[in-house]
Amino acid sequence: MLSVLYPKAYVPSLFHINLGELKKRGIKAILFDIDNTLIPWDCQHMDPKIETWFRNLCQQGFKVCFVSNNNESRVSALCRSLQVPGVHKAAKPRRRGLRRALSILGTDTRETALVGDQVFTDVLAGNRLGLYTILVAPLAGKEFIGTRINRKLEKLVLGRIKKLQS
């Protein structure tokens, strides 16, 4: 039962995602959470190193869509700056926002990965839909109050994941 909370991959940062391995798995599209995955929750701009990594990802042919529980203005601003589609108010762990992103990209679950920093929103939603889920350590910075509460529960799950990886 807890397996729905376990990501397929757990990496310390975006830079540790093995894009070649994703291609071998048939992954053609990647859905990204925004807050504390690509940009700290309390910041407006992406770190230049992350932006370079992200643009390289797109140049390698991956289709990309942002899927965030945040509001339209936050998501739209990032979408415009990187020329990437996005879904705001996705209500993860519900699957509706993820399905919308798949429709936008024209991909199915078998060829799509989801990258996020939270077990109880990103990983749970992605696994429920059958996506290849990748959990990244959250970026440093302040967090929304609900996220801080979730982080305490996540520590239990992450302890199990680390034991399974050993």
C-alpha atoms as a PDB file:
ATOM      1  CA  MET A   1       0.000   0.000   0.000  1.00  0.00           C
ATOM      2  CA  LEU A   2       2.792   2.417   0.799  1.00  0.00           C
ATOM      3  CA  SER A   3       4.352   1.735  -2.595  1.00  0.00           C
ATOM      4  CA  VAL A   4       2.132   4.459  -4.081  1.00  0.00           C
ATOM      5  CA  LEU A   5       4.267   6.914  -2.091  1.00  0.00           C
ATOM      6  CA  TYR A   6       7.594   5.608  -3.393  1.00  0.00           C
ATOM      7  CA  PRO A   7       9.101   7.386  -6.399  1.00  0.00           C
ATOM      8  CA  LYS A   8      10.704   5.359  -9.174  1.00  0.00           C
ATOM      9  CA  ALA A   9      13.841   7.472  -8.680  1.00  0.00           C
ATOM     10  CA  TYR A  10      15.030   9.669  -5.817  1.00  0.00           C
ATOM     11  CA  VAL A  11      17.829  12.147  -6.583  1.00  0.00           C
ATOM     12  CA  PRO A  12      19.479  14.955  -4.627  1.00  0.00           C
ATOM     13  CA  SER A  13      18.879  17.544  -7.382  1.00  0.00           C
ATOM     14  CA  LEU A  14      17.673  18.062 -10.934  1.00  0.00           C
ATOM     15  CA  PHE A  15      21.292  17.799 -12.056  1.00  0.00           C
ATOM     16  CA  HIS A  16      21.327  14.144 -10.982  1.00  0.00           C
ATOM     17  CA  ILE A  17      18.448  13.096 -13.230  1.00  0.00           C
ATOM     18  CA  ASN A  18      19.853  10.706 -15.801  1.00  0.00           C
ATOM     19  CA  LEU A  19      18.294  11.946 -19.044  1.00  0.00           C
ATOM     20  CA  GLY A  20      19.903   9.153 -21.072  1.00  0.00           C
ATOM     21  CA  GLU A  21      18.265   6.572 -18.814  1.00  0.00           C
ATOM     22  CA  LEU A  22      14.899   8.293 -19.233  1.00  0.00           C
ATOM     23  CA  LYS A  23      15.266   8.090 -23.014  1.00  0.00           C
ATOM     24  CA  LYS A  24      16.121   4.366 -22.738  1.00  0.00           C
ATOM     25  CA  ARG A  25      12.910   3.896 -20.746  1.00  0.00           C
ATOM     26  CA  GLY A  26      10.949   5.503 -23.583  1.00  0.00           C
ATOM     27  CA  ILE A  27      10.267   8.733 -21.701  1.00  0.00           C
ATOM     28  CA  LYS A  28       9.481  11.503 -24.186  1.00  0.00           C
ATOM     29  CA  ALA A  29       7.888  14.069 -21.877  1.00  0.00           C
ATOM     30  CA  ILE A  30       8.532  15.389 -18.393  1.00  0.00           C
ATOM     31  CA  LEU A  31       6.042  17.159 -16.157  1.00  0.00           C
ATOM     32  CA  PHE A  32       7.618  19.457 -13.584  1.00  0.00           C
ATOM     33  CA  ASP A  33       6.377  20.783 -10.301  1.00  0.00           C
ATOM     34  CA  ILE A  34       7.559  24.376  -9.864  1.00  0.00           C
ATOM     35  CA  ASP A  35       7.827  25.421  -6.219  1.00  0.00           C
ATOM     36  CA  ASN A  36      10.922  24.035  -4.495  1.00  0.00           C
ATOM     37  CA  THR A  37      11.557  21.792  -7.501  1.00  0.00           C
ATOM     38  CA  LEU A  38      12.635  24.410 -10.073  1.00  0.00           C
ATOM     39  CA  ILE A  39      12.357  27.636  -8.069  1.00  0.00           C
ATOM     40  CA  PRO A  40      12.316  28.219  -4.319  1.00  0.00           C
ATOM     41  CA  TRP A  41       8.773  28.896  -3.101  1.00  0.00           C
ATOM     42  CA  ASP A  42       9.617  32.463  -2.066  1.00  0.00           C
ATOM     43  CA  CYS A  43      11.491  33.441  -5.279  1.00  0.00           C
ATOM     44  CA  GLN A  44      10.304  34.681  -8.648  1.00  0.00           C
ATOM     45  CA  HIS A  45      13.248  33.737 -10.836  1.00  0.00           C
ATOM     46  CA  MET A  46      14.973  30.496 -11.674  1.00  0.00           C
ATOM     47  CA  ASP A  47      18.628  30.033 -10.787  1.00  0.00           C
ATOM     48  CA  PRO A  48      20.672  30.475 -14.006  1.00  0.00           C
ATOM     49  CA  LYS A  49      22.267  27.009 -13.574  1.00  0.00           C
ATOM     50  CA  ILE A  50      18.835  25.389 -13.364  1.00  0.00           C
ATOM     51  CA  GLU A  51      17.644  27.413 -16.347  1.00  0.00           C
ATOM     52  CA  THR A  52      20.634  26.229 -18.391  1.00  0.00           C
ATOM     53  CA  TRP A  53      19.951  22.608 -17.361  1.00  0.00           C
ATOM     54  CA  PHE A  54      16.285  23.032 -18.237  1.00  0.00           C
ATOM     55  CA  ARG A  55      16.992  24.516 -21.671  1.00  0.00           C
ATOM     56  CA  ASN A  56      19.421  21.653 -22.368  1.00  0.00           C
ATOM     57  CA  LEU A  57      16.663  19.195 -21.467  1.00  0.00           C
ATOM     58  CA  CYS A  58      14.360  20.823 -24.021  1.00  0.00           C
ATOM     59  CA  GLN A  59      17.117  20.843 -26.666  1.00  0.00           C
ATOM     60  CA  GLN A  60      17.458  17.079 -26.180  1.00  0.00           C
ATOM     61  CA  GLY A  61      13.921  16.729 -27.472  1.00  0.00           C
ATOM     62  CA  PHE A  62      11.941  16.182 -24.272  1.00  0.00           C
ATOM     63  CA  LYS A  63       8.459  17.688 -24.241  1.00  0.00           C
ATOM     64  CA  VAL A  64       7.908  19.644 -21.043  1.00  0.00           C
ATOM     65  CA  CYS A  65       4.941  20.988 -19.091  1.00  0.00           C
ATOM     66  CA  PHE A  66       4.741  22.616 -15.668  1.00  0.00           C
ATOM     67  CA  VAL A  67       2.093  21.238 -13.317  1.00  0.00           C
ATOM     68  CA  SER A  68       1.700  23.295 -10.164  1.00  0.00           C
ATOM     69  CA  ASN A  69      -0.764  23.680  -7.345  1.00  0.00           C
ATOM     70  CA  ASN A  70       0.129  27.378  -7.340  1.00  0.00           C
ATOM     71  CA  ASN A  71      -1.901  30.191  -8.909  1.00  0.00           C
ATOM     72  CA  GLU A  72      -2.139  31.228 -12.538  1.00  0.00           C
ATOM     73  CA  SER A  73       0.091  34.299 -12.292  1.00  0.00           C
ATOM     74  CA  ARG A  74       2.995  32.340 -10.750  1.00  0.00           C
ATOM     75  CA  VAL A  75       2.750  29.515 -13.278  1.00  0.00           C
ATOM     76  CA  SER A  76       2.113  31.761 -16.295  1.00  0.00           C
ATOM     77  CA  ALA A  77       5.137  33.937 -15.554  1.00  0.00           C
ATOM     78  CA  LEU A  78       7.461  30.937 -15.651  1.00  0.00           C
ATOM     79  CA  CYS A  79       5.722  29.486 -18.705  1.00  0.00           C
ATOM     80  CA  ARG A  80       6.214  32.745 -20.608  1.00  0.00           C
ATOM     81  CA  SER A  81       9.869  33.124 -19.657  1.00  0.00           C
ATOM     82  CA  LEU A  82      10.752  29.554 -20.718  1.00  0.00           C
ATOM     83  CA  GLN A  83       8.156  29.191 -23.496  1.00  0.00           C
ATOM     84  CA  VAL A  84       6.713  26.040 -21.937  1.00  0.00           C
ATOM     85  CA  PRO A  85       3.042  25.148 -21.354  1.00  0.00           C
ATOM     86  CA  GLY A  86       1.720  24.831 -17.832  1.00  0.00           C
ATOM     87  CA  VAL A  87      -1.197  23.821 -15.667  1.00  0.00           C
ATOM     88  CA  HIS A  88      -1.964  25.935 -12.613  1.00  0.00           C
ATOM     89  CA  LYS A  89      -4.091  24.975  -9.594  1.00  0.00           C
ATOM     90  CA  ALA A  90      -3.483  21.325 -10.481  1.00  0.00           C
ATOM     91  CA  ALA A  91      -4.769  20.149  -7.083  1.00  0.00           C
ATOM     92  CA  LYS A  92      -2.160  17.397  -6.765  1.00  0.00           C
ATOM     93  CA  PRO A  93      -2.431  14.622  -5.529  1.00  0.00           C
ATOM     94  CA  ARG A  94      -5.525  14.607  -7.729  1.00  0.00           C
ATOM     95  CA  ARG A  95      -4.782  13.427 -11.249  1.00  0.00           C
ATOM     96  CA  ARG A  96      -6.881  15.929 -13.191  1.00  0.00           C
ATOM     97  CA  GLY A  97      -4.063  18.459 -13.630  1.00  0.00           C
ATOM     98  CA  LEU A  98      -1.659  15.753 -14.744  1.00  0.00           C
ATOM     99  CA  ARG A  99      -4.154  14.448 -17.280  1.00  0.00           C
ATOM    100  CA  ARG A 100      -4.536  17.964 -18.637  1.00  0.00           C
ATOM    101  CA  ALA A 101      -0.748  18.229 -19.018  1.00  0.00           C
ATOM    102  CA  LEU A 102      -0.633  14.899 -20.877  1.00  0.00           C
ATOM    103  CA  SER A 103      -3.331  16.191 -23.205  1.00  0.00           C
ATOM    104  CA  ILE A 104      -1.405  19.421 -23.827  1.00  0.00           C
ATOM    105  CA  LEU A 105       1.760  17.460 -24.679  1.00  0.00           C
ATOM    106  CA  GLY A 106       0.013  14.687 -26.598  1.00  0.00           C
ATOM    107  CA  THR A 107       1.740  11.926 -24.635  1.00  0.00           C
ATOM    108  CA  ASP A 108       0.520   8.990 -22.599  1.00  0.00           C
ATOM    109  CA  THR A 109       1.462   7.795 -19.129  1.00  0.00           C
ATOM    110  CA  ARG A 110       4.015   5.204 -20.303  1.00  0.00           C
ATOM    111  CA  GLU A 111       6.149   7.846 -21.991  1.00  0.00           C
ATOM    112  CA  THR A 112       5.878  10.586 -19.376  1.00  0.00           C
ATOM    113  CA  ALA A 113       7.794  11.284 -16.165  1.00  0.00           C
ATOM    114  CA  LEU A 114       6.902  13.608 -13.316  1.00  0.00           C
ATOM    115  CA  VAL A 115       9.559  15.479 -11.341  1.00  0.00           C
ATOM    116  CA  GLY A 116       8.653  17.008  -8.003  1.00  0.00           C
ATOM    117  CA  ASP A 117       9.860  17.623  -4.475  1.00  0.00           C
ATOM    118  CA  GLN A 118       6.917  16.316  -2.429  1.00  0.00           C
ATOM    119  CA  VAL A 119       5.866  12.744  -1.725  1.00  0.00           C
ATOM    120  CA  PHE A 120       2.255  13.479  -0.761  1.00  0.00           C
ATOM    121  CA  THR A 121       1.471  15.664  -3.771  1.00  0.00           C
ATOM    122  CA  ASP A 122       3.833  15.036  -6.689  1.00  0.00           C
ATOM    123  CA  VAL A 123       4.835  11.399  -6.205  1.00  0.00           C
ATOM    124  CA  LEU A 124       1.408  10.281  -5.046  1.00  0.00           C
ATOM    125  CA  ALA A 125      -0.346  11.957  -7.995  1.00  0.00           C
ATOM    126  CA  GLY A 126       2.167  10.656 -10.533  1.00  0.00           C
ATOM    127  CA  ASN A 127       2.105   7.104  -9.220  1.00  0.00           C
ATOM    128  CA  ARG A 128      -1.689   7.058  -9.091  1.00  0.00           C
ATOM    129  CA  LEU A 129      -1.709   7.944 -12.788  1.00  0.00           C
ATOM    130  CA  GLY A 130       1.078   5.524 -13.726  1.00  0.00           C
ATOM    131  CA  LEU A 131       3.817   8.037 -14.551  1.00  0.00           C
ATOM    132  CA  TYR A 132       7.522   7.481 -13.992  1.00  0.00           C
ATOM    133  CA  THR A 133       8.008   9.538 -10.806  1.00  0.00           C
ATOM    134  CA  ILE A 134      11.225  11.268  -9.815  1.00  0.00           C
ATOM    135  CA  LEU A 135      11.541  12.827  -6.383  1.00  0.00           C
ATOM    136  CA  VAL A 136      14.153  15.562  -5.978  1.00  0.00           C
ATOM    137  CA  ALA A 137      15.338  17.067  -2.731  1.00  0.00           C
ATOM    138  CA  PRO A 138      13.579  20.418  -2.246  1.00  0.00           C
ATOM    139  CA  LEU A 139      15.445  23.606  -3.021  1.00  0.00           C
ATOM    140  CA  ALA A 140      16.415  25.650   0.011  1.00  0.00           C
ATOM    141  CA  GLY A 141      14.077  28.409   1.034  1.00  0.00           C
ATOM    142  CA  LYS A 142      10.881  29.136   2.884  1.00  0.00           C
ATOM    143  CA  GLU A 143       7.869  26.909   2.392  1.00  0.00           C
ATOM    144  CA  PHE A 144       4.111  27.193   2.470  1.00  0.00           C
ATOM    145  CA  ILE A 145       2.670  26.190   5.870  1.00  0.00           C
ATOM    146  CA  GLY A 146       0.934  23.107   4.432  1.00  0.00           C
ATOM    147  CA  THR A 147       4.185  21.973   2.869  1.00  0.00           C
ATOM    148  CA  ARG A 148       6.001  22.298   6.198  1.00  0.00           C
ATOM    149  CA  ILE A 149       3.457  19.979   7.799  1.00  0.00           C
ATOM    150  CA  ASN A 150       3.782  17.463   4.935  1.00  0.00           C
ATOM    151  CA  ARG A 151       7.574  17.502   5.248  1.00  0.00           C
ATOM    152  CA  LYS A 152       7.341  16.051   8.762  1.00  0.00           C
ATOM    153  CA  LEU A 153       5.319  13.090   7.467  1.00  0.00           C
ATOM    154  CA  GLU A 154       7.577  12.736   4.435  1.00  0.00           C
ATOM    155  CA  LYS A 155      10.567  12.077   6.680  1.00  0.00           C
ATOM    156  CA  LEU A 156       9.014   8.724   7.595  1.00  0.00           C
ATOM    157  CA  VAL A 157       8.527   7.753   3.962  1.00  0.00           C
ATOM    158  CA  LEU A 158      11.967   9.009   2.937  1.00  0.00           C
ATOM    159  CA  GLY A 159      13.562   6.906   5.663  1.00  0.00           C
ATOM    160  CA  ARG A 160      11.916   3.816   4.120  1.00  0.00           C
ATOM    161  CA  ILE A 161      12.991   4.824   0.613  1.00  0.00           C
ATOM    162  CA  LYS A 162      16.606   5.256   1.706  1.00  0.00           C
ATOM    163  CA  LYS A 163      16.571   1.814   3.334  1.00  0.00           C
ATOM    164  CA  LEU A 164      15.180   0.264   0.141  1.00  0.00           C
ATOM    165  CA  GLN A 165      17.904   1.959  -1.938  1.00  0.00           C
ATOM    166  CA  SER A 166      20.684   0.594   0.297  1.00  0.00           C
END
